[in-house]
PDB file of N, CA and C in Angstrom:
ATOM      1  N   MET A   1      -6.944 -46.437 -23.818  1.00  0.00           N
ATOM      2  CA  MET A   1      -7.150 -47.093 -22.517  1.00  0.00           C
ATOM      3  C   MET A   1      -6.520 -46.232 -21.416  1.00  0.00           C
ATOM      4  N   SER A   2      -7.312 -45.751 -20.509  1.00  0.00           N
ATOM      5  CA  SER A   2      -6.862 -44.755 -19.535  1.00  0.00           C
ATOM      6  C   SER A   2      -5.767 -45.258 -18.591  1.00  0.00           C
ATOM      7  N   ASN A   3      -5.726 -46.568 -18.321  1.00  0.00           N
ATOM      8  CA  ASN A   3      -4.732 -47.096 -17.379  1.00  0.00           C
ATOM      9  C   ASN A   3      -3.320 -46.844 -17.890  1.00  0.00           C
ATOM     10  N   ASN A   4      -3.089 -47.114 -19.174  1.00  0.00           N
ATOM     11  CA  ASN A   4      -1.766 -46.892 -19.727  1.00  0.00           C
ATOM     12  C   ASN A   4      -1.458 -45.410 -19.776  1.00  0.00           C
ATOM     13  N   LYS A   5      -2.475 -44.600 -19.901  1.00  0.00           N
ATOM     14  CA  LYS A   5      -2.324 -43.153 -19.847  1.00  0.00           C
ATOM     15  C   LYS A   5      -1.654 -42.772 -18.526  1.00  0.00           C
ATOM     16  N   ILE A   6      -2.155 -43.336 -17.430  1.00  0.00           N
ATOM     17  CA  ILE A   6      -1.609 -42.999 -16.116  1.00  0.00           C
ATOM     18  C   ILE A   6      -0.146 -43.400 -16.035  1.00  0.00           C
ATOM     19  N   SER A   7       0.184 -44.613 -16.481  1.00  0.00           N
ATOM     20  CA  SER A   7       1.577 -45.052 -16.410  1.00  0.00           C
ATOM     21  C   SER A   7       2.460 -44.208 -17.332  1.00  0.00           C
ATOM     22  N   ASP A   8       1.974 -43.905 -18.528  1.00  0.00           N
ATOM     23  CA  ASP A   8       2.731 -43.062 -19.469  1.00  0.00           C
ATOM     24  C   ASP A   8       2.957 -41.666 -18.894  1.00  0.00           C
ATOM     25  N   ASN A   9       1.897 -41.085 -18.356  1.00  0.00           N
ATOM     26  CA  ASN A   9       1.990 -39.739 -17.794  1.00  0.00           C
ATOM     27  C   ASN A   9       2.918 -39.703 -16.590  1.00  0.00           C
ATOM     28  N   LEU A  10       2.813 -40.721 -15.735  1.00  0.00           N
ATOM     29  CA  LEU A  10       3.683 -40.782 -14.564  1.00  0.00           C
ATOM     30  C   LEU A  10       5.134 -40.834 -15.016  1.00  0.00           C
ATOM     31  N   LYS A  11       5.403 -41.679 -16.004  1.00  0.00           N
ATOM     32  CA  LYS A  11       6.767 -41.815 -16.537  1.00  0.00           C
ATOM     33  C   LYS A  11       7.273 -40.475 -17.062  1.00  0.00           C
ATOM     34  N   LYS A  12       6.460 -39.831 -17.910  1.00  0.00           N
ATOM     35  CA  LYS A  12       6.840 -38.558 -18.534  1.00  0.00           C
ATOM     36  C   LYS A  12       7.054 -37.455 -17.504  1.00  0.00           C
ATOM     37  N   LEU A  13       6.085 -37.300 -16.618  1.00  0.00           N
ATOM     38  CA  LEU A  13       6.146 -36.225 -15.625  1.00  0.00           C
ATOM     39  C   LEU A  13       7.299 -36.434 -14.654  1.00  0.00           C
ATOM     40  N   ARG A  14       7.537 -37.669 -14.275  1.00  0.00           N
ATOM     41  CA  ARG A  14       8.619 -37.978 -13.345  1.00  0.00           C
ATOM     42  C   ARG A  14       9.971 -37.670 -13.994  1.00  0.00           C
ATOM     43  N   ALA A  15      10.104 -38.045 -15.270  1.00  0.00           N
ATOM     44  CA  ALA A  15      11.347 -37.783 -16.009  1.00  0.00           C
ATOM     45  C   ALA A  15      11.556 -36.277 -16.161  1.00  0.00           C
ATOM     46  N   LYS A  16      10.471 -35.569 -16.501  1.00  0.00           N
ATOM     47  CA  LYS A  16      10.535 -34.124 -16.698  1.00  0.00           C
ATOM     48  C   LYS A  16      11.028 -33.415 -15.437  1.00  0.00           C
ATOM     49  N   LYS A  17      10.610 -33.932 -14.288  1.00  0.00           N
ATOM     50  CA  LYS A  17      11.002 -33.324 -13.020  1.00  0.00           C
ATOM     51  C   LYS A  17      12.303 -33.925 -12.478  1.00  0.00           C
ATOM     52  N   GLY A  18      12.827 -34.908 -13.179  1.00  0.00           N
ATOM     53  CA  GLY A  18      14.087 -35.517 -12.776  1.00  0.00           C
ATOM     54  C   GLY A  18      14.014 -36.250 -11.450  1.00  0.00           C
ATOM     55  N   LEU A  19      12.874 -36.867 -11.180  1.00  0.00           N
ATOM     56  CA  LEU A  19      12.693 -37.571  -9.913  1.00  0.00           C
ATOM     57  C   LEU A  19      12.804 -39.082 -10.100  1.00  0.00           C
ATOM     58  N   SER A  20      13.451 -39.737  -9.165  1.00  0.00           N
ATOM     59  CA  SER A  20      13.564 -41.197  -9.206  1.00  0.00           C
ATOM     60  C   SER A  20      12.272 -41.817  -8.677  1.00  0.00           C
ATOM     61  N   LEU A  21      12.088 -43.098  -8.964  1.00  0.00           N
ATOM     62  CA  LEU A  21      10.931 -43.824  -8.429  1.00  0.00           C
ATOM     63  C   LEU A  21      10.957 -43.784  -6.897  1.00  0.00           C
ATOM     64  N   GLU A  22      12.157 -43.933  -6.332  1.00  0.00           N
ATOM     65  CA  GLU A  22      12.305 -43.915  -4.867  1.00  0.00           C
ATOM     66  C   GLU A  22      11.870 -42.569  -4.292  1.00  0.00           C
ATOM     67  N   ARG A  23      12.279 -41.498  -4.980  1.00  0.00           N
ATOM     68  CA  ARG A  23      11.944 -40.146  -4.516  1.00  0.00           C
ATOM     69  C   ARG A  23      10.429 -39.931  -4.547  1.00  0.00           C
ATOM     70  N   ILE A  24       9.800 -40.332  -5.645  1.00  0.00           N
ATOM     71  CA  ILE A  24       8.340 -40.192  -5.745  1.00  0.00           C
ATOM     72  C   ILE A  24       7.666 -40.993  -4.635  1.00  0.00           C
ATOM     73  N   ALA A  25       8.125 -42.207  -4.417  1.00  0.00           N
ATOM     74  CA  ALA A  25       7.549 -43.049  -3.365  1.00  0.00           C
ATOM     75  C   ALA A  25       7.624 -42.347  -2.013  1.00  0.00           C
ATOM     76  N   ARG A  26       8.810 -41.777  -1.725  1.00  0.00           N
ATOM     77  CA  ARG A  26       8.999 -41.075  -0.456  1.00  0.00           C
ATOM     78  C   ARG A  26       8.095 -39.852  -0.359  1.00  0.00           C
ATOM     79  N   LEU A  27       8.080 -39.039  -1.414  1.00  0.00           N
ATOM     80  CA  LEU A  27       7.260 -37.822  -1.418  1.00  0.00           C
ATOM     81  C   LEU A  27       5.766 -38.143  -1.320  1.00  0.00           C
ATOM     82  N   ALA A  28       5.366 -39.242  -1.946  1.00  0.00           N
ATOM     83  CA  ALA A  28       3.947 -39.616  -1.967  1.00  0.00           C
ATOM     84  C   ALA A  28       3.557 -40.435  -0.737  1.00  0.00           C
ATOM     85  N   ASP A  29       4.554 -40.814   0.064  1.00  0.00           N
ATOM     86  CA  ASP A  29       4.313 -41.661   1.226  1.00  0.00           C
ATOM     87  C   ASP A  29       3.644 -42.972   0.813  1.00  0.00           C
ATOM     88  N   LEU A  30       4.182 -43.553  -0.273  1.00  0.00           N
ATOM     89  CA  LEU A  30       3.701 -44.834  -0.780  1.00  0.00           C
ATOM     90  C   LEU A  30       4.901 -45.769  -0.895  1.00  0.00           C
ATOM     91  N   SER A  31       4.636 -47.056  -0.994  1.00  0.00           N
ATOM     92  CA  SER A  31       5.752 -47.987  -1.135  1.00  0.00           C
ATOM     93  C   SER A  31       6.327 -47.881  -2.549  1.00  0.00           C
ATOM     94  N   LEU A  32       7.611 -48.165  -2.647  1.00  0.00           N
ATOM     95  CA  LEU A  32       8.270 -48.151  -3.953  1.00  0.00           C
ATOM     96  C   LEU A  32       7.564 -49.128  -4.884  1.00  0.00           C
ATOM     97  N   ASN A  33       7.191 -50.273  -4.336  1.00  0.00           N
ATOM     98  CA  ASN A  33       6.482 -51.306  -5.089  1.00  0.00           C
ATOM     99  C   ASN A  33       5.201 -50.750  -5.729  1.00  0.00           C
ATOM    100  N   THR A  34       4.469 -49.953  -4.984  1.00  0.00           N
ATOM    101  CA  THR A  34       3.225 -49.351  -5.493  1.00  0.00           C
ATOM    102  C   THR A  34       3.515 -48.444  -6.680  1.00  0.00           C
ATOM    103  N   ILE A  35       4.521 -47.588  -6.543  1.00  0.00           N
ATOM    104  CA  ILE A  35       4.886 -46.656  -7.615  1.00  0.00           C
ATOM    105  C   ILE A  35       5.334 -47.422  -8.857  1.00  0.00           C
ATOM    106  N   VAL A  36       6.173 -48.428  -8.662  1.00  0.00           N
ATOM    107  CA  VAL A  36       6.678 -49.239  -9.784  1.00  0.00           C
ATOM    108  C   VAL A  36       5.518 -49.906 -10.512  1.00  0.00           C
ATOM    109  N   LYS A  37       4.585 -50.464  -9.765  1.00  0.00           N
ATOM    110  CA  LYS A  37       3.433 -51.143 -10.378  1.00  0.00           C
ATOM    111  C   LYS A  37       2.556 -50.183 -11.179  1.00  0.00           C
ATOM    112  N   VAL A  38       2.367 -48.971 -10.652  1.00  0.00           N
ATOM    113  CA  VAL A  38       1.554 -47.982 -11.368  1.00  0.00           C
ATOM    114  C   VAL A  38       2.285 -47.530 -12.625  1.00  0.00           C
ATOM    115  N   GLU A  39       3.574 -47.205 -12.490  1.00  0.00           N
ATOM    116  CA  GLU A  39       4.332 -46.699 -13.639  1.00  0.00           C
ATOM    117  C   GLU A  39       4.502 -47.751 -14.727  1.00  0.00           C
ATOM    118  N   ASN A  40       4.634 -49.012 -14.345  1.00  0.00           N
ATOM    119  CA  ASN A  40       4.807 -50.076 -15.336  1.00  0.00           C
ATOM    120  C   ASN A  40       3.487 -50.636 -15.847  1.00  0.00           C
ATOM    121  N   GLY A  41       2.380 -50.054 -15.396  1.00  0.00           N
ATOM    122  CA  GLY A  41       1.070 -50.477 -15.870  1.00  0.00           C
ATOM    123  C   GLY A  41       0.629 -51.822 -15.327  1.00  0.00           C
ATOM    124  N   VAL A  42       1.309 -52.307 -14.286  1.00  0.00           N
ATOM    125  CA  VAL A  42       0.922 -53.582 -13.663  1.00  0.00           C
ATOM    126  C   VAL A  42      -0.351 -53.355 -12.852  1.00  0.00           C
ATOM    127  N   ASN A  43      -0.353 -52.255 -12.083  1.00  0.00           N
ATOM    128  CA  ASN A  43      -1.554 -51.855 -11.355  1.00  0.00           C
ATOM    129  C   ASN A  43      -2.338 -50.946 -12.293  1.00  0.00           C
ATOM    130  N   THR A  44      -3.324 -51.521 -12.979  1.00  0.00           N
ATOM    131  CA  THR A  44      -4.075 -50.766 -13.983  1.00  0.00           C
ATOM    132  C   THR A  44      -5.203 -49.952 -13.367  1.00  0.00           C
ATOM    133  N   ASN A  45      -5.447 -50.168 -12.068  1.00  0.00           N
ATOM    134  CA  ASN A  45      -6.552 -49.445 -11.446  1.00  0.00           C
ATOM    135  C   ASN A  45      -6.146 -48.930 -10.066  1.00  0.00           C
ATOM    136  N   PRO A  46      -5.171 -47.994 -10.031  1.00  0.00           N
ATOM    137  CA  PRO A  46      -4.767 -47.467  -8.722  1.00  0.00           C
ATOM    138  C   PRO A  46      -5.910 -46.717  -8.054  1.00  0.00           C
ATOM    139  N   THR A  47      -5.953 -46.758  -6.734  1.00  0.00           N
ATOM    140  CA  THR A  47      -7.021 -46.073  -6.005  1.00  0.00           C
ATOM    141  C   THR A  47      -6.866 -44.565  -6.176  1.00  0.00           C
ATOM    142  N   ILE A  48      -7.952 -43.846  -5.946  1.00  0.00           N
ATOM    143  CA  ILE A  48      -7.911 -42.390  -6.054  1.00  0.00           C
ATOM    144  C   ILE A  48      -6.952 -41.836  -4.997  1.00  0.00           C
ATOM    145  N   ASP A  49      -6.870 -42.505  -3.861  1.00  0.00           N
ATOM    146  CA  ASP A  49      -5.947 -42.095  -2.799  1.00  0.00           C
ATOM    147  C   ASP A  49      -4.500 -42.179  -3.295  1.00  0.00           C
ATOM    148  N   THR A  50      -4.175 -43.287  -3.952  1.00  0.00           N
ATOM    149  CA  THR A  50      -2.826 -43.478  -4.509  1.00  0.00           C
ATOM    150  C   THR A  50      -2.536 -42.416  -5.556  1.00  0.00           C
ATOM    151  N   LEU A  51      -3.479 -42.197  -6.465  1.00  0.00           N
ATOM    152  CA  LEU A  51      -3.300 -41.191  -7.517  1.00  0.00           C
ATOM    153  C   LEU A  51      -3.138 -39.792  -6.933  1.00  0.00           C
ATOM    154  N   THR A  52      -3.910 -39.489  -5.899  1.00  0.00           N
ATOM    155  CA  THR A  52      -3.833 -38.178  -5.254  1.00  0.00           C
ATOM    156  C   THR A  52      -2.454 -37.974  -4.647  1.00  0.00           C
ATOM    157  N   LYS A  53      -1.930 -39.001  -3.974  1.00  0.00           N
ATOM    158  CA  LYS A  53      -0.606 -38.909  -3.353  1.00  0.00           C
ATOM    159  C   LYS A  53       0.490 -38.742  -4.398  1.00  0.00           C
ATOM    160  N   ILE A  54       0.373 -39.478  -5.499  1.00  0.00           N
ATOM    161  CA  ILE A  54       1.373 -39.379  -6.580  1.00  0.00           C
ATOM    162  C   ILE A  54       1.319 -37.982  -7.198  1.00  0.00           C
ATOM    163  N   ALA A  55       0.108 -37.502  -7.481  1.00  0.00           N
ATOM    164  CA  ALA A  55      -0.064 -36.173  -8.076  1.00  0.00           C
ATOM    165  C   ALA A  55       0.519 -35.099  -7.160  1.00  0.00           C
ATOM    166  N   LYS A  56       0.269 -35.230  -5.866  1.00  0.00           N
ATOM    167  CA  LYS A  56       0.775 -34.265  -4.895  1.00  0.00           C
ATOM    168  C   LYS A  56       2.311 -34.286  -4.893  1.00  0.00           C
ATOM    169  N   ALA A  57       2.886 -35.469  -4.952  1.00  0.00           N
ATOM    170  CA  ALA A  57       4.349 -35.610  -4.967  1.00  0.00           C
ATOM    171  C   ALA A  57       4.940 -34.947  -6.211  1.00  0.00           C
ATOM    172  N   LEU A  58       4.209 -35.017  -7.316  1.00  0.00           N
ATOM    173  CA  LEU A  58       4.662 -34.408  -8.579  1.00  0.00           C
ATOM    174  C   LEU A  58       4.261 -32.935  -8.684  1.00  0.00           C
ATOM    175  N   GLU A  59       3.512 -32.455  -7.692  1.00  0.00           N
ATOM    176  CA  GLU A  59       3.000 -31.083  -7.675  1.00  0.00           C
ATOM    177  C   GLU A  59       2.134 -30.780  -8.894  1.00  0.00           C
ATOM    178  N   ILE A  60       1.243 -31.722  -9.168  1.00  0.00           N
ATOM    179  CA  ILE A  60       0.277 -31.560 -10.264  1.00  0.00           C
ATOM    180  C   ILE A  60      -1.098 -31.978  -9.761  1.00  0.00           C
ATOM    181  N   GLY A  61      -2.105 -31.752 -10.591  1.00  0.00           N
ATOM    182  CA  GLY A  61      -3.448 -32.204 -10.245  1.00  0.00           C
ATOM    183  C   GLY A  61      -3.641 -33.643 -10.689  1.00  0.00           C
ATOM    184  N   VAL A  62      -4.553 -34.343 -10.039  1.00  0.00           N
ATOM    185  CA  VAL A  62      -4.853 -35.735 -10.391  1.00  0.00           C
ATOM    186  C   VAL A  62      -5.268 -35.821 -11.865  1.00  0.00           C
ATOM    187  N   ASP A  63      -6.009 -34.807 -12.330  1.00  0.00           N
ATOM    188  CA  ASP A  63      -6.454 -34.804 -13.732  1.00  0.00           C
ATOM    189  C   ASP A  63      -5.260 -34.784 -14.708  1.00  0.00           C
ATOM    190  N   ASP A  64      -4.185 -34.111 -14.307  1.00  0.00           N
ATOM    191  CA  ASP A  64      -2.989 -34.080 -15.170  1.00  0.00           C
ATOM    192  C   ASP A  64      -2.369 -35.474 -15.295  1.00  0.00           C
ATOM    193  N   LEU A  65      -2.501 -36.241 -14.255  1.00  0.00           N
ATOM    194  CA  LEU A  65      -1.962 -37.595 -14.231  1.00  0.00           C
ATOM    195  C   LEU A  65      -2.791 -38.524 -15.109  1.00  0.00           C
ATOM    196  N   MET A  66      -4.094 -38.231 -15.193  1.00  0.00           N
ATOM    197  CA  MET A  66      -5.030 -39.115 -15.894  1.00  0.00           C
ATOM    198  C   MET A  66      -5.268 -38.727 -17.347  1.00  0.00           C
ATOM    199  N   ARG A  67      -4.816 -37.564 -17.775  1.00  0.00           N
ATOM    200  CA  ARG A  67      -5.044 -37.061 -19.128  1.00  0.00           C
ATOM    201  C   ARG A  67      -4.513 -37.969 -20.208  1.00  0.00           C
TER     202      ARG A  67
END
């Protein structure tokens, strides 16, 4: 199921880069609530805009987030 993939990947990539949820939210210009919901799999269908901002904050491609 691709939705959990996104939350798993976000968790892994964020940990690998040593970034807090707050930091990602700031870098992505998204609310902390949005990031938390995506990472915890609550928001199972984030918009492409949200995914693009998160990927940019992590300095990766959107496809890396969705793999």
